[in-house]
Amino acid sequence: MNSLRMKDYAWIIEQMKQRYELRVRRWRSHMSGCAWRVYYHDGRAINWIESPYPKTPISLAIFLHEVGHHAIGFKTYKKRCEEEYHVWVWAIHKMREYNIEPDDRVWRRFQLSMQYAVGKAVRRGCREFPEPLVQFLPAAA
């Protein structure tokens, strides 16, 4: 069996869409994602995401990461980089819950994403970080 063979993660997609009342605006052709919530005057709120369609562990991780923003909540953490960290941890936990072990690409993406998020916070003037984020601080910080 070819290890690069695409998996069928459709059941995970449906489960996440139902559990978090998500709508997928579009499936992206590249490995990036976005999550947001739209509020209406009548009190309705719609949860939206964009991500690659999950076919591999890395695309599944990105999809679950975007779902994680809704699962954890956008206002739960004061710092955006702290939210990113907890959303990545949530996504990796979900993968393991589904017996899908994160591969090297997933771990690398997590590292790079967190280095970027923490570096951006430093560039914007943030000087204090929660303990789990210290490992991602730029060397010059």
Protein backbone atom coordinates (compact mmCIF):
# COMPACT_ATOMS: atom_id res chain seq x y z
CA MET A 1 0.00 0.00 0.00
CA ASN A 2 1.32 3.41 -0.98
CA SER A 3 1.77 5.63 2.11
CA LEU A 4 0.93 8.68 0.00
CA ARG A 5 -2.50 7.28 -0.85
CA MET A 6 -5.24 9.74 -0.02
CA LYS A 7 -7.42 8.90 2.95
CA ASP A 8 -11.15 9.38 3.13
CA TYR A 9 -11.69 11.92 5.87
CA ALA A 10 -15.24 12.83 4.75
CA TRP A 11 -16.70 11.45 7.97
CA ILE A 12 -14.47 13.78 10.02
CA ILE A 13 -15.52 16.73 7.88
CA GLU A 14 -19.21 15.98 8.40
CA GLN A 15 -18.76 15.41 12.11
CA MET A 16 -16.94 18.74 12.54
CA LYS A 17 -19.47 20.63 10.41
CA GLN A 18 -22.35 19.31 12.50
CA ARG A 19 -20.67 19.61 15.91
CA TYR A 20 -19.57 23.23 15.39
CA GLU A 21 -22.32 24.33 12.98
CA LEU A 22 -19.75 25.16 10.31
CA ARG A 23 -20.09 26.13 6.72
CA VAL A 24 -17.23 25.73 4.28
CA ARG A 25 -17.09 28.78 2.04
CA ARG A 26 -14.70 27.02 -0.31
CA TRP A 27 -12.05 24.33 -0.37
CA ARG A 28 -8.69 25.94 -1.03
CA SER A 29 -6.25 24.47 -3.52
CA HIS A 30 -3.27 25.47 -1.38
CA MET A 31 -2.29 24.68 2.21
CA SER A 32 -3.75 27.63 4.07
CA GLY A 33 -6.96 28.32 5.86
CA CYS A 34 -9.17 30.93 7.45
CA ALA A 35 -11.93 30.90 10.08
CA TRP A 36 -14.44 33.62 10.89
CA ARG A 37 -17.92 34.21 12.28
CA VAL A 38 -20.55 36.47 10.72
CA TYR A 39 -23.08 38.13 13.01
CA TYR A 40 -26.46 39.33 11.73
CA HIS A 41 -28.77 42.03 13.13
CA ASP A 42 -31.43 39.44 13.93
CA GLY A 43 -29.03 37.68 16.33
CA ARG A 44 -27.94 34.86 14.03
CA ALA A 45 -24.29 33.95 13.75
CA ILE A 46 -22.75 31.75 11.05
CA ASN A 47 -19.41 29.98 11.47
CA TRP A 48 -17.33 29.89 8.30
CA ILE A 49 -14.05 28.30 7.33
CA GLU A 50 -11.85 27.89 4.28
CA SER A 51 -9.18 25.21 4.14
CA PRO A 52 -7.75 22.56 1.85
CA TYR A 53 -10.02 19.54 1.50
CA PRO A 54 -8.61 16.95 3.94
CA LYS A 55 -6.90 14.16 1.97
CA THR A 56 -3.59 13.86 3.80
CA PRO A 57 -2.50 14.35 7.42
CA ILE A 58 -1.27 17.90 6.71
CA SER A 59 -4.47 19.01 4.95
CA LEU A 60 -6.49 17.38 7.75
CA ALA A 61 -4.42 19.25 10.35
CA ILE A 62 -5.05 22.57 8.58
CA PHE A 63 -8.79 21.81 8.34
CA LEU A 64 -8.95 20.86 12.03
CA HIS A 65 -6.91 23.95 12.93
CA GLU A 66 -9.56 26.17 11.31
CA VAL A 67 -12.34 24.23 13.03
CA GLY A 68 -10.43 24.70 16.28
CA HIS A 69 -10.88 28.46 16.10
CA HIS A 70 -14.63 27.86 16.42
CA ALA A 71 -14.26 25.04 18.95
CA ILE A 72 -12.07 27.08 21.29
CA GLY A 73 -13.59 30.49 20.57
CA PHE A 74 -12.14 33.62 19.05
CA LYS A 75 -12.15 35.65 22.27
CA THR A 76 -10.93 32.96 24.68
CA TYR A 77 -7.30 34.13 24.65
CA LYS A 78 -6.14 37.73 24.81
CA LYS A 79 -3.14 37.26 22.52
CA ARG A 80 -3.68 36.06 18.96
CA CYS A 81 -0.49 33.97 19.10
CA GLU A 82 -1.80 32.24 22.23
CA GLU A 83 -5.04 31.41 20.41
CA GLU A 84 -3.02 30.00 17.51
CA TYR A 85 -1.05 27.78 19.89
CA HIS A 86 -4.14 26.35 21.58
CA VAL A 87 -5.89 25.83 18.26
CA TRP A 88 -2.89 23.85 16.95
CA VAL A 89 -2.81 21.77 20.13
CA TRP A 90 -6.57 21.14 19.76
CA ALA A 91 -6.16 20.08 16.10
CA ILE A 92 -3.32 17.67 16.90
CA HIS A 93 -5.30 16.25 19.83
CA LYS A 94 -8.29 15.69 17.50
CA MET A 95 -6.09 13.90 14.96
CA ARG A 96 -4.89 11.54 17.67
CA GLU A 97 -8.44 11.10 18.92
CA TYR A 98 -9.25 9.85 15.41
CA ASN A 99 -6.18 7.56 15.48
CA ILE A 100 -4.37 9.64 12.88
CA GLU A 101 -0.82 10.29 14.03
CA PRO A 102 0.52 13.72 12.99
CA ASP A 103 3.43 13.21 10.59
CA ASP A 104 6.61 15.28 10.15
CA ARG A 105 4.84 17.75 7.84
CA VAL A 106 2.20 18.45 10.49
CA TRP A 107 4.83 19.01 13.20
CA ARG A 108 6.87 21.24 10.89
CA ARG A 109 3.79 23.29 9.99
CA PHE A 110 2.94 23.68 13.69
CA GLN A 111 6.48 24.90 14.43
CA LEU A 112 6.59 27.34 11.51
CA SER A 113 3.11 28.66 12.19
CA MET A 114 3.91 29.31 15.84
CA GLN A 115 7.27 30.91 15.06
CA TYR A 116 5.48 33.24 12.67
CA ALA A 117 2.66 34.07 15.14
CA VAL A 118 5.01 34.74 18.06
CA GLY A 119 7.43 36.68 15.84
CA LYS A 120 4.56 38.84 14.63
CA ALA A 121 3.52 39.53 18.24
CA VAL A 122 7.12 40.54 19.06
CA ARG A 123 7.22 42.87 16.03
CA ARG A 124 3.99 44.46 17.27
CA GLY A 125 5.51 45.15 20.67
CA CYS A 126 4.51 42.18 22.80
CA ARG A 127 7.19 41.41 25.39
CA GLU A 128 5.54 38.88 27.72
CA PHE A 129 4.41 35.45 26.63
CA PRO A 130 2.79 32.48 28.38
CA GLU A 131 5.26 29.67 29.11
CA PRO A 132 4.20 27.37 26.21
CA LEU A 133 4.99 30.14 23.69
CA VAL A 134 8.48 31.00 24.91
CA GLN A 135 9.97 28.15 22.86
CA PHE A 136 8.80 29.94 19.67
CA LEU A 137 10.43 33.30 20.43
CA PRO A 138 12.86 34.51 17.77
CA ALA A 139 16.51 34.09 18.79
CA ALA A 140 17.05 37.85 18.82
CA ALA A 141 14.05 38.57 21.08
